[in-house]
Amino acid sequence: QVQLVESGGGLVQAGGSLRLSCAASGRTFSSYGMGWFRQAPGKEREFVAAITWNGITYYADSVKGRFSISRDNAKNTVYLQMDSLKPEDTAVYYCAAGRVVIGIRLKEERAYDYWGQGTQVTVSS
């Protein structure tokens, strides 16, 4: 089984940057696809970014050009670099891990077997 712990959230002004980290347990981490989702109050959880075991990335249209996902398998860690933050990026951000066959399926919640506890990101205007 895999345990995920997010960190790096906080309060930042619009236009600023944050880097989220997701530390994972499990010796088979490198074979998993990893993703970031977010959920704002009163809204459904939505896909943000994902990366396959071999480094292929996917992004929601709303964050393309601003966010970047990466992974360091040696450290069992996935990152989400967030630049040019906007107030509408305010949400709880969740890290997820899943063993999938088709990479694009990582855009879907059903692809994931494990979820972190979430970390709050607040962007002020």
C-alpha atoms as a PDB file:
ATOM      1  CA  GLN A   1       0.000   0.000   0.000  1.00  0.00           C
ATOM      2  CA  VAL A   2       0.961   3.637  -0.478  1.00  0.00           C
ATOM      3  CA  GLN A   3       0.723   6.527   1.965  1.00  0.00           C
ATOM      4  CA  LEU A   4       0.831  10.105   0.668  1.00  0.00           C
ATOM      5  CA  VAL A   5       1.547  13.296   2.623  1.00  0.00           C
ATOM      6  CA  GLU A   6       1.274  16.750   1.024  1.00  0.00           C
ATOM      7  CA  SER A   7       3.119  19.851   2.174  1.00  0.00           C
ATOM      8  CA  GLY A   8       3.999  23.330   0.933  1.00  0.00           C
ATOM      9  CA  GLY A   9       0.605  25.002   0.936  1.00  0.00           C
ATOM     10  CA  GLY A  10       0.048  28.433   2.386  1.00  0.00           C
ATOM     11  CA  LEU A  11      -1.061  32.000   1.784  1.00  0.00           C
ATOM     12  CA  VAL A  12       0.325  33.913  -1.182  1.00  0.00           C
ATOM     13  CA  GLN A  13      -0.607  37.077  -3.065  1.00  0.00           C
ATOM     14  CA  ALA A  14      -1.894  36.953  -6.619  1.00  0.00           C
ATOM     15  CA  GLY A  15       0.986  36.601  -9.055  1.00  0.00           C
ATOM     16  CA  GLY A  16       3.125  34.761  -6.527  1.00  0.00           C
ATOM     17  CA  SER A  17       4.396  31.188  -6.469  1.00  0.00           C
ATOM     18  CA  LEU A  18       4.234  28.075  -4.314  1.00  0.00           C
ATOM     19  CA  ARG A  19       5.686  24.596  -4.644  1.00  0.00           C
ATOM     20  CA  LEU A  20       3.698  21.690  -3.269  1.00  0.00           C
ATOM     21  CA  SER A  21       5.363  18.417  -2.345  1.00  0.00           C
ATOM     22  CA  CYS A  22       3.886  14.945  -1.977  1.00  0.00           C
ATOM     23  CA  ALA A  23       5.975  12.412  -0.081  1.00  0.00           C
ATOM     24  CA  ALA A  24       5.026   8.798  -0.735  1.00  0.00           C
ATOM     25  CA  SER A  25       5.722   5.518   0.987  1.00  0.00           C
ATOM     26  CA  GLY A  26       5.911   2.166  -0.762  1.00  0.00           C
ATOM     27  CA  ARG A  27       8.689   0.454  -2.647  1.00  0.00           C
ATOM     28  CA  THR A  28       6.657   0.328  -5.878  1.00  0.00           C
ATOM     29  CA  PHE A  29       6.208   4.108  -6.050  1.00  0.00           C
ATOM     30  CA  SER A  30       8.100   4.419  -9.331  1.00  0.00           C
ATOM     31  CA  SER A  31       5.509   2.301 -11.153  1.00  0.00           C
ATOM     32  CA  TYR A  32       2.582   4.565 -10.209  1.00  0.00           C
ATOM     33  CA  GLY A  33       1.044   7.452 -12.041  1.00  0.00           C
ATOM     34  CA  MET A  34       0.772  10.524  -9.819  1.00  0.00           C
ATOM     35  CA  GLY A  35      -1.708  13.361  -9.898  1.00  0.00           C
ATOM     36  CA  TRP A  36      -2.799  16.567  -8.236  1.00  0.00           C
ATOM     37  CA  PHE A  37      -6.444  17.494  -7.732  1.00  0.00           C
ATOM     38  CA  ARG A  38      -8.001  20.453  -5.967  1.00  0.00           C
ATOM     39  CA  GLN A  39     -11.296  21.289  -4.307  1.00  0.00           C
ATOM     40  CA  ALA A  40     -12.635  24.719  -3.417  1.00  0.00           C
ATOM     41  CA  PRO A  41     -15.463  25.226  -0.876  1.00  0.00           C
ATOM     42  CA  GLY A  42     -18.821  24.398  -2.415  1.00  0.00           C
ATOM     43  CA  LYS A  43     -17.253  23.005  -5.587  1.00  0.00           C
ATOM     44  CA  GLU A  44     -16.439  19.541  -6.897  1.00  0.00           C
ATOM     45  CA  ARG A  45     -12.919  18.174  -6.824  1.00  0.00           C
ATOM     46  CA  GLU A  46     -11.185  18.839 -10.138  1.00  0.00           C
ATOM     47  CA  PHE A  47      -8.138  17.571 -11.974  1.00  0.00           C
ATOM     48  CA  VAL A  48      -5.063  19.809 -11.956  1.00  0.00           C
ATOM     49  CA  ALA A  49      -2.039  17.881 -13.247  1.00  0.00           C
ATOM     50  CA  ALA A  50      -0.668  14.347 -13.597  1.00  0.00           C
ATOM     51  CA  ILE A  51       2.547  12.545 -14.491  1.00  0.00           C
ATOM     52  CA  THR A  52       3.058   8.953 -15.632  1.00  0.00           C
ATOM     53  CA  TRP A  53       5.728   6.556 -14.381  1.00  0.00           C
ATOM     54  CA  ASN A  54       7.901   7.506 -17.364  1.00  0.00           C
ATOM     55  CA  GLY A  55       7.451  11.272 -17.112  1.00  0.00           C
ATOM     56  CA  ILE A  56       4.581  12.120 -19.471  1.00  0.00           C
ATOM     57  CA  THR A  57       2.588  15.066 -18.094  1.00  0.00           C
ATOM     58  CA  TYR A  58      -1.006  16.260 -18.366  1.00  0.00           C
ATOM     59  CA  TYR A  59      -2.574  19.538 -17.250  1.00  0.00           C
ATOM     60  CA  ALA A  60      -5.979  21.074 -16.856  1.00  0.00           C
ATOM     61  CA  ASP A  61      -6.533  23.923 -19.307  1.00  0.00           C
ATOM     62  CA  SER A  62      -6.942  26.350 -16.417  1.00  0.00           C
ATOM     63  CA  VAL A  63      -3.349  25.826 -15.213  1.00  0.00           C
ATOM     64  CA  LYS A  64      -1.418  25.204 -18.445  1.00  0.00           C
ATOM     65  CA  GLY A  65       1.591  27.478 -18.695  1.00  0.00           C
ATOM     66  CA  ARG A  66       1.450  28.314 -14.986  1.00  0.00           C
ATOM     67  CA  PHE A  67       1.793  24.990 -13.149  1.00  0.00           C
ATOM     68  CA  SER A  68       4.414  22.283 -13.620  1.00  0.00           C
ATOM     69  CA  ILE A  69       4.343  18.738 -12.229  1.00  0.00           C
ATOM     70  CA  SER A  70       7.488  16.686 -11.716  1.00  0.00           C
ATOM     71  CA  ARG A  71       8.633  13.602  -9.826  1.00  0.00           C
ATOM     72  CA  ASP A  72      11.788  12.324  -8.183  1.00  0.00           C
ATOM     73  CA  ASN A  73      11.436   8.571  -7.842  1.00  0.00           C
ATOM     74  CA  ALA A  74      14.655   8.283  -5.831  1.00  0.00           C
ATOM     75  CA  LYS A  75      13.070  10.523  -3.190  1.00  0.00           C
ATOM     76  CA  ASN A  76       9.568   9.056  -3.561  1.00  0.00           C
ATOM     77  CA  THR A  77       8.303  12.593  -4.056  1.00  0.00           C
ATOM     78  CA  VAL A  78       6.054  14.416  -6.521  1.00  0.00           C
ATOM     79  CA  TYR A  79       6.033  18.195  -6.883  1.00  0.00           C
ATOM     80  CA  LEU A  80       3.636  20.809  -8.184  1.00  0.00           C
ATOM     81  CA  GLN A  81       5.283  24.124  -8.993  1.00  0.00           C
ATOM     82  CA  MET A  82       2.620  26.832  -9.123  1.00  0.00           C
ATOM     83  CA  ASP A  83       3.491  30.196 -10.673  1.00  0.00           C
ATOM     84  CA  SER A  84       1.407  33.255 -11.534  1.00  0.00           C
ATOM     85  CA  LEU A  85      -1.168  32.229  -8.964  1.00  0.00           C
ATOM     86  CA  LYS A  86      -4.678  33.628  -9.180  1.00  0.00           C
ATOM     87  CA  PRO A  87      -7.393  33.940  -6.509  1.00  0.00           C
ATOM     88  CA  GLU A  88      -9.365  31.254  -8.351  1.00  0.00           C
ATOM     89  CA  ASP A  89      -6.535  28.805  -7.604  1.00  0.00           C
ATOM     90  CA  THR A  90      -7.550  28.907  -3.934  1.00  0.00           C
ATOM     91  CA  ALA A  91      -8.444  25.362  -2.863  1.00  0.00           C
ATOM     92  CA  VAL A  92      -7.350  22.322  -0.921  1.00  0.00           C
ATOM     93  CA  TYR A  93      -4.848  20.473  -3.095  1.00  0.00           C
ATOM     94  CA  TYR A  94      -4.696  16.681  -2.978  1.00  0.00           C
ATOM     95  CA  CYS A  95      -1.981  14.330  -4.162  1.00  0.00           C
ATOM     96  CA  ALA A  96      -3.025  10.948  -5.559  1.00  0.00           C
ATOM     97  CA  ALA A  97      -1.345   7.753  -6.769  1.00  0.00           C
ATOM     98  CA  GLY A  98      -2.648   5.094  -9.127  1.00  0.00           C
ATOM     99  CA  ARG A  99      -1.447   2.169 -11.190  1.00  0.00           C
ATOM    100  CA  VAL A 100      -2.858   2.760 -14.663  1.00  0.00           C
ATOM    101  CA  VAL A 101      -2.337   1.315 -18.126  1.00  0.00           C
ATOM    102  CA  ILE A 102      -3.258   4.371 -20.219  1.00  0.00           C
ATOM    103  CA  GLY A 103      -1.621   7.601 -19.111  1.00  0.00           C
ATOM    104  CA  ILE A 104      -4.408   9.973 -20.129  1.00  0.00           C
ATOM    105  CA  ARG A 105      -6.708   8.157 -17.716  1.00  0.00           C
ATOM    106  CA  LEU A 106      -4.805   9.967 -14.957  1.00  0.00           C
ATOM    107  CA  LYS A 107      -7.107  12.919 -15.616  1.00  0.00           C
ATOM    108  CA  GLU A 108      -9.888  10.891 -14.008  1.00  0.00           C
ATOM    109  CA  GLU A 109     -10.347  10.342 -10.275  1.00  0.00           C
ATOM    110  CA  ARG A 110     -11.185   6.681 -10.860  1.00  0.00           C
ATOM    111  CA  ALA A 111      -7.569   6.036 -11.910  1.00  0.00           C
ATOM    112  CA  TYR A 112      -6.285   6.609  -8.395  1.00  0.00           C
ATOM    113  CA  ASP A 113      -6.072   4.164  -5.500  1.00  0.00           C
ATOM    114  CA  TYR A 114      -4.432   6.357  -2.855  1.00  0.00           C
ATOM    115  CA  TRP A 115      -5.009   9.933  -1.718  1.00  0.00           C
ATOM    116  CA  GLY A 116      -3.214  12.339   0.581  1.00  0.00           C
ATOM    117  CA  GLN A 117      -4.829  14.439   3.303  1.00  0.00           C
ATOM    118  CA  GLY A 118      -4.671  17.671   1.318  1.00  0.00           C
ATOM    119  CA  THR A 119      -2.896  20.989   1.782  1.00  0.00           C
ATOM    120  CA  GLN A 120      -4.550  24.420   1.726  1.00  0.00           C
ATOM    121  CA  VAL A 121      -3.543  26.975  -0.882  1.00  0.00           C
ATOM    122  CA  THR A 122      -4.966  30.466  -0.490  1.00  0.00           C
ATOM    123  CA  VAL A 123      -4.300  33.206  -3.048  1.00  0.00           C
ATOM    124  CA  SER A 124      -5.243  36.736  -2.022  1.00  0.00           C
ATOM    125  CA  SER A 125      -6.228  39.445  -4.488  1.00  0.00           C
END
